[in-house]
Amino acid sequence: MSNIVVIADARQGKVKKPALEAVGAALELAGKAGSEVVALVVGADLAAAKDELAKSGAKRVVAVDDAVFAQYSSDGYAKAIVEQLAALSPAAVLMPHSAMGRDLLPRVAALLDAPLVSDCTALHFEGGRFGATKPVYAGKAYKKFFATKSPFLATLRPNNWEVGAGGSAEVADAQTSVGSADLKAIVKELVASASDRVPLQEAKVVVSGGRGLKGPEHFHLVEELAAAFGAGVAAVGASRAVVDAGWRPHREQVGQTGKVVSPTLYIAIGISGAIQHLAGMRTARFIVAINKDPNAPIFKVADYGIVGDAFEVLPQLTEAIKAAVAG
């Protein structure tokens, strides 16, 4: 029986939500291919990560737990992963399309001389071959790819699969030959910004503002609407024009040169709908647009549109969301 390996994105010893979604995607694919799902995690102090992955629905969990991996190293992680893949002989390797996944899996693919499809929104197994679908042409179309050799590698866009769960997997600690000498760069210190907000790419709801808000002093309306959904549900986003103007930080930019998001609900406020922005959010399950210009391009991709002044609509919408959440 072939293996489908999920490389879990773990930071500070904890598994990120997109990694559990990748396990869920692997379980769906394994059901079609008759494969087993193996979760592979690399890092340091992985007790919590191993416990969570053991309950993710994977058949086995393999952990490379070593102090040398306390900080992420693309070179070291890639070499350690390729070592483990040699023993696991996977038919397919999956990883979230996160910051780590975008950097790490192409390196793994190069070392394996294997095909890679990035930022996938669907996976396939047809005619004995693994494949994936991804958006192309700035999200205007979708293209299906199939592997011509093994293993098949893919990074998966967050919020497109259910989190894997169930069972109690066998957990094994694996040895590695990777040492500090294999790290071409060493991280001496990592300073993270203090924030309790849900990450933009993991949020179920994204509320984004554009130039229609007229100034940074009005973005509190966007923040209040996001907060109305409850803790850990919604994140605040922004258009490129807003970020370029210095109204909001770059980490909130949604679009082709910012973050690509795929939430259940995307609310665009005062955003005209430039192609660069649409490329970053058009795969959302439901899109709501609020704009006083009835001819704004955003309405062409929106499931629901409100033609009106955001300064009048947002306070009413925020109160309605609060009431609905309160039950």
Protein backbone atom coordinates (compact mmCIF):
# COMPACT_ATOMS: atom_id res chain seq x y z
CA MET A 1 0.00 0.00 0.00
CA SER A 2 1.41 3.41 -1.00
CA ASN A 3 1.86 6.31 1.39
CA ILE A 4 0.63 9.88 1.17
CA VAL A 5 2.91 11.99 3.36
CA VAL A 6 1.77 15.28 4.88
CA ILE A 7 4.58 17.57 6.00
CA ALA A 8 3.11 19.36 8.99
CA ASP A 9 3.82 23.07 9.38
CA ALA A 10 4.80 23.31 13.05
CA ARG A 11 5.99 26.47 14.74
CA GLN A 12 7.21 26.66 18.34
CA GLY A 13 6.33 23.00 18.76
CA LYS A 14 2.68 23.42 17.77
CA VAL A 15 0.88 22.34 14.61
CA LYS A 16 -0.67 25.05 12.48
CA LYS A 17 -4.33 24.67 11.43
CA PRO A 18 -3.51 24.47 7.68
CA ALA A 19 -1.39 21.38 8.43
CA LEU A 20 -4.43 19.63 9.93
CA GLU A 21 -6.41 20.66 6.85
CA ALA A 22 -3.68 19.06 4.72
CA VAL A 23 -4.17 15.83 6.67
CA GLY A 24 -7.89 16.09 5.92
CA ALA A 25 -7.12 16.54 2.23
CA ALA A 26 -4.74 13.56 2.31
CA LEU A 27 -7.42 11.38 3.91
CA GLU A 28 -9.82 12.21 1.07
CA LEU A 29 -7.14 11.44 -1.51
CA ALA A 30 -6.10 8.24 0.27
CA GLY A 31 -9.67 7.00 0.11
CA LYS A 32 -9.54 7.24 -3.69
CA ALA A 33 -6.01 5.88 -4.11
CA GLY A 34 -6.13 3.13 -1.48
CA SER A 35 -3.20 4.72 0.35
CA GLU A 36 -2.24 5.36 3.97
CA VAL A 37 -1.64 8.84 5.37
CA VAL A 38 1.60 9.53 7.21
CA ALA A 39 2.18 12.86 8.99
CA LEU A 40 5.81 14.00 9.05
CA VAL A 41 6.90 16.83 11.34
CA VAL A 42 10.33 18.38 11.82
CA GLY A 43 11.25 20.68 14.69
CA ALA A 44 12.24 20.82 18.35
CA ASP A 45 10.18 20.10 21.48
CA LEU A 46 7.45 18.45 19.41
CA ALA A 47 5.51 16.69 22.19
CA ALA A 48 2.38 18.83 21.66
CA ALA A 49 2.65 18.58 17.87
CA LYS A 50 2.99 14.79 17.96
CA ASP A 51 -0.03 14.49 20.24
CA GLU A 52 -2.16 16.66 17.97
CA LEU A 53 -1.08 14.87 14.81
CA ALA A 54 -1.77 11.50 16.44
CA LYS A 55 -5.43 12.56 16.67
CA SER A 56 -5.58 14.05 13.16
CA GLY A 57 -6.73 10.91 11.36
CA ALA A 58 -3.30 9.98 9.99
CA LYS A 59 -2.30 6.32 10.18
CA ARG A 60 1.23 7.10 11.38
CA VAL A 61 3.17 10.10 12.68
CA VAL A 62 6.93 10.41 12.11
CA ALA A 63 8.72 13.12 14.08
CA VAL A 64 12.25 14.44 13.63
CA ASP A 65 12.62 16.10 17.01
CA ASP A 66 16.06 17.66 17.44
CA ALA A 67 17.40 20.88 18.96
CA VAL A 68 19.13 21.70 15.66
CA PHE A 69 15.65 22.40 14.24
CA ALA A 70 14.60 24.83 16.99
CA GLN A 71 14.46 27.59 14.35
CA TYR A 72 13.30 27.02 10.80
CA SER A 73 16.09 26.39 8.30
CA SER A 74 15.10 25.74 4.70
CA ASP A 75 18.31 23.81 3.97
CA GLY A 76 18.28 21.74 7.15
CA TYR A 77 14.55 20.98 7.06
CA ALA A 78 14.68 20.01 3.38
CA LYS A 79 17.55 17.58 3.91
CA ALA A 80 15.89 16.01 6.97
CA ILE A 81 12.60 15.60 5.12
CA VAL A 82 14.21 14.01 2.06
CA GLU A 83 15.94 11.53 4.40
CA GLN A 84 12.59 10.47 5.84
CA LEU A 85 10.85 10.35 2.46
CA ALA A 86 13.48 7.88 1.27
CA ALA A 87 12.32 5.50 3.99
CA LEU A 88 8.59 6.19 3.53
CA SER A 89 8.59 5.89 -0.30
CA PRO A 90 5.53 8.12 -0.76
CA ALA A 91 3.41 8.28 -3.87
CA ALA A 92 2.39 11.84 -2.97
CA VAL A 93 3.67 14.54 -0.59
CA LEU A 94 1.43 17.37 0.59
CA MET A 95 2.08 20.53 2.59
CA PRO A 96 0.09 23.70 3.35
CA HIS A 97 0.66 26.68 1.05
CA SER A 98 1.92 28.64 4.04
CA ALA A 99 5.04 30.78 4.29
CA MET A 100 6.98 27.64 5.24
CA GLY A 101 5.34 25.49 2.61
CA ARG A 102 6.04 27.96 -0.20
CA ASP A 103 9.71 28.02 0.78
CA LEU A 104 10.30 24.42 1.80
CA LEU A 105 8.43 22.10 -0.56
CA PRO A 106 10.03 23.48 -3.78
CA ARG A 107 13.42 22.70 -2.22
CA VAL A 108 12.26 19.18 -1.40
CA ALA A 109 10.93 18.77 -4.95
CA ALA A 110 14.28 19.89 -6.38
CA LEU A 111 16.21 17.41 -4.23
CA LEU A 112 13.84 14.62 -5.31
CA ASP A 113 13.70 15.79 -8.94
CA ALA A 114 9.92 15.47 -8.58
CA PRO A 115 6.93 17.44 -9.94
CA LEU A 116 5.32 20.11 -7.75
CA VAL A 117 2.01 21.95 -8.08
CA SER A 118 1.66 24.92 -5.74
CA ASP A 119 -1.37 26.69 -4.23
CA CYS A 120 -3.84 23.89 -5.05
CA THR A 121 -7.56 24.06 -4.36
CA ALA A 122 -8.44 20.43 -5.26
CA LEU A 123 -6.70 17.05 -5.42
CA HIS A 124 -7.35 14.12 -7.75
CA PHE A 125 -6.53 10.47 -8.31
CA GLU A 126 -7.52 9.31 -11.77
CA GLY A 127 -6.22 6.47 -13.90
CA GLY A 128 -3.62 5.59 -11.31
CA ARG A 129 -2.14 9.11 -11.33
CA PHE A 130 -2.17 11.84 -8.70
CA GLY A 131 -3.14 15.35 -9.72
CA ALA A 132 -4.28 18.74 -8.52
CA THR A 133 -6.24 21.79 -9.62
CA LYS A 134 -5.01 25.34 -9.06
CA PRO A 135 -6.11 28.85 -10.09
CA VAL A 136 -4.28 30.36 -13.06
CA TYR A 137 -4.36 33.71 -14.90
CA ALA A 138 -4.88 35.67 -11.66
CA GLY A 139 -7.73 33.40 -10.63
CA LYS A 140 -9.72 33.79 -13.86
CA ALA A 141 -9.45 30.08 -14.67
CA TYR A 142 -8.53 26.74 -13.12
CA LYS A 143 -6.10 24.20 -14.53
CA LYS A 144 -5.82 20.51 -13.69
CA PHE A 145 -2.35 18.94 -13.52
CA PHE A 146 -1.35 15.27 -13.31
CA ALA A 147 1.98 13.80 -12.24
CA THR A 148 4.14 12.14 -14.85
CA LYS A 149 6.50 10.64 -12.26
CA SER A 150 6.53 9.79 -8.57
CA PRO A 151 6.28 11.21 -5.99
CA PHE A 152 3.73 13.92 -6.71
CA LEU A 153 4.15 17.06 -4.55
CA ALA A 154 1.60 19.79 -3.88
CA THR A 155 1.06 22.75 -1.56
CA LEU A 156 -2.56 23.30 -0.53
CA ARG A 157 -4.36 26.61 -0.19
CA PRO A 158 -5.73 27.00 3.38
CA ASN A 159 -9.47 26.88 4.09
CA ASN A 160 -10.25 24.49 1.23
CA TRP A 161 -10.46 21.25 3.26
CA GLU A 162 -11.87 20.20 6.60
CA VAL A 163 -9.43 19.63 9.45
CA GLY A 164 -8.39 16.00 9.76
CA ALA A 165 -9.49 14.32 12.98
CA GLY A 166 -10.06 10.91 14.51
CA GLY A 167 -8.21 7.85 15.71
CA SER A 168 -4.95 7.44 17.52
CA ALA A 169 -1.96 7.13 15.21
CA GLU A 170 1.25 5.29 15.88
CA VAL A 171 3.96 7.87 16.68
CA ALA A 172 7.63 7.20 15.89
CA ASP A 173 10.68 9.38 16.54
CA ALA A 174 13.12 9.33 13.64
CA GLN A 175 16.85 9.94 13.63
CA THR A 176 18.54 12.38 11.26
CA SER A 177 22.06 12.91 10.01
CA VAL A 178 21.47 16.68 9.74
CA GLY A 179 23.63 18.76 12.07
CA SER A 180 24.46 22.42 12.56
CA ALA A 181 27.10 22.15 9.83
CA ASP A 182 24.32 21.50 7.30
CA LEU A 183 22.61 24.82 8.06
CA LYS A 184 23.76 27.49 5.63
CA ALA A 185 22.14 30.19 7.78
CA ILE A 186 21.51 30.15 11.50
CA VAL A 187 18.71 32.14 13.14
CA LYS A 188 20.04 33.76 16.31
CA GLU A 189 16.82 35.44 17.41
CA LEU A 190 13.20 35.55 16.30
CA VAL A 191 11.11 38.59 17.26
CA ALA A 192 7.41 38.15 16.61
CA SER A 193 4.87 40.94 16.72
CA ALA A 194 2.49 40.58 19.64
CA SER A 195 -1.01 39.88 18.35
CA ASP A 196 -3.95 37.73 19.35
CA ARG A 197 -5.65 38.16 15.97
CA VAL A 198 -6.46 35.19 13.80
CA PRO A 199 -3.95 34.91 10.89
CA LEU A 200 -5.34 36.37 7.68
CA GLN A 201 -4.93 33.21 5.60
CA GLU A 202 -6.52 31.00 8.28
CA ALA A 203 -9.57 33.17 9.04
CA LYS A 204 -13.05 31.87 8.24
CA VAL A 205 -14.15 35.45 7.59
CA VAL A 206 -12.06 38.24 6.07
CA VAL A 207 -13.29 41.85 6.17
CA SER A 208 -11.26 44.06 3.82
CA GLY A 209 -11.28 47.80 3.27
CA GLY A 210 -10.21 49.91 0.32
CA ARG A 211 -9.83 53.53 -0.71
CA GLY A 212 -13.57 54.00 -0.44
CA LEU A 213 -13.05 54.41 3.31
CA LYS A 214 -11.33 57.73 2.49
CA GLY A 215 -8.70 57.53 5.22
CA PRO A 216 -7.05 55.38 7.89
CA GLU A 217 -9.15 57.03 10.60
CA HIS A 218 -12.21 55.22 9.26
CA PHE A 219 -10.75 51.71 9.35
CA HIS A 220 -12.17 51.26 12.84
CA LEU A 221 -15.45 50.50 11.05
CA VAL A 222 -13.80 47.51 9.36
CA GLU A 223 -12.22 46.36 12.63
CA GLU A 224 -15.53 46.63 14.46
CA LEU A 225 -17.30 44.56 11.80
CA ALA A 226 -14.59 41.88 12.01
CA ALA A 227 -14.82 41.85 15.82
CA ALA A 228 -18.60 41.40 15.63
CA PHE A 229 -18.14 37.83 14.36
CA GLY A 230 -16.54 36.83 17.66
CA ALA A 231 -13.03 35.99 18.82
CA GLY A 232 -10.89 33.96 16.44
CA VAL A 233 -13.31 34.10 13.51
CA ALA A 234 -12.59 37.15 11.35
CA ALA A 235 -9.44 38.94 10.20
CA VAL A 236 -8.97 42.43 8.77
CA GLY A 237 -7.63 42.79 5.24
CA ALA A 238 -6.84 45.69 2.93
CA SER A 239 -6.36 46.51 -0.73
CA ARG A 240 -2.94 47.28 -2.18
CA ALA A 241 -3.82 50.96 -2.64
CA VAL A 242 -4.59 51.24 1.07
CA VAL A 243 -1.32 49.55 2.05
CA ASP A 244 0.72 51.63 -0.42
CA ALA A 245 -0.83 54.77 1.09
CA GLY A 246 0.39 53.69 4.51
CA TRP A 247 -3.08 53.30 6.01
CA ARG A 248 -2.58 49.64 6.93
CA PRO A 249 0.43 47.28 7.37
CA HIS A 250 1.56 45.07 4.49
CA ARG A 251 0.67 41.90 6.44
CA GLU A 252 -3.01 42.77 5.86
CA GLN A 253 -2.72 43.20 2.08
CA VAL A 254 -4.94 40.85 0.08
CA GLY A 255 -4.03 40.32 -3.54
CA GLN A 256 -1.54 38.96 -6.01
CA THR A 257 1.38 40.76 -4.32
CA GLY A 258 -0.04 40.27 -0.82
CA LYS A 259 -1.85 37.38 0.85
CA VAL A 260 -4.03 34.96 -1.08
CA VAL A 261 -7.03 34.06 1.07
CA SER A 262 -9.83 31.55 0.69
CA PRO A 263 -12.25 32.14 3.59
CA THR A 264 -15.83 31.01 3.88
CA LEU A 265 -16.92 34.66 3.74
CA TYR A 266 -15.09 37.63 2.21
CA ILE A 267 -16.48 41.14 2.69
CA ALA A 268 -15.01 43.83 0.43
CA ILE A 269 -15.72 47.38 1.58
CA GLY A 270 -14.95 50.33 -0.66
CA ILE A 271 -12.81 48.13 -2.93
CA SER A 272 -13.31 48.63 -6.67
CA GLY A 273 -12.07 45.18 -7.63
CA ALA A 274 -8.79 45.53 -9.53
CA ILE A 275 -7.58 42.27 -11.05
CA GLN A 276 -4.63 42.21 -8.63
CA HIS A 277 -7.03 42.20 -5.69
CA LEU A 278 -9.43 39.67 -7.21
CA ALA A 279 -6.55 37.23 -7.68
CA GLY A 280 -6.13 37.13 -3.91
CA MET A 281 -9.72 36.49 -2.83
CA ARG A 282 -11.95 35.21 -5.62
CA THR A 283 -11.80 31.60 -4.34
CA ALA A 284 -13.69 32.63 -1.19
CA ARG A 285 -16.87 30.57 -0.80
CA PHE A 286 -19.08 33.65 -0.49
CA ILE A 287 -18.17 37.21 -1.47
CA VAL A 288 -20.06 40.28 -0.28
CA ALA A 289 -19.24 43.66 -1.86
CA ILE A 290 -20.17 47.06 -0.42
CA ASN A 291 -19.53 49.96 -2.79
CA LYS A 292 -21.40 53.12 -3.75
CA ASP A 293 -20.41 52.67 -7.41
CA PRO A 294 -22.87 50.20 -9.00
CA ASN A 295 -20.42 49.63 -11.87
CA ALA A 296 -17.47 48.61 -9.68
CA PRO A 297 -15.82 45.44 -11.04
CA ILE A 298 -16.03 43.81 -7.60
CA PHE A 299 -19.76 43.24 -8.15
CA LYS A 300 -18.98 40.89 -11.07
CA VAL A 301 -17.45 38.32 -8.71
CA ALA A 302 -19.65 39.04 -5.67
CA ASP A 303 -22.38 36.64 -4.55
CA TYR A 304 -24.11 39.52 -2.77
CA GLY A 305 -23.73 43.24 -3.40
CA ILE A 306 -24.79 46.32 -1.48
CA VAL A 307 -24.74 49.56 -3.45
CA GLY A 308 -24.45 52.20 -0.78
CA ASP A 309 -22.28 54.41 1.38
CA ALA A 310 -20.01 52.28 3.60
CA PHE A 311 -20.27 54.85 6.39
CA GLU A 312 -24.02 54.22 6.53
CA VAL A 313 -24.01 50.48 5.79
CA LEU A 314 -21.22 49.28 8.10
CA PRO A 315 -22.66 50.39 11.47
CA GLN A 316 -25.99 48.71 10.63
CA LEU A 317 -24.30 45.56 9.36
CA THR A 318 -22.09 45.38 12.45
CA GLU A 319 -25.10 45.57 14.76
CA ALA A 320 -26.92 42.92 12.73
CA ILE A 321 -23.90 40.57 12.93
CA LYS A 322 -23.59 41.14 16.67
CA ALA A 323 -27.26 40.27 17.15
CA ALA A 324 -26.96 37.13 15.00
CA VAL A 325 -23.86 35.94 16.84
CA ALA A 326 -25.51 36.61 20.21
CA GLY A 327 -28.23 34.26 19.10
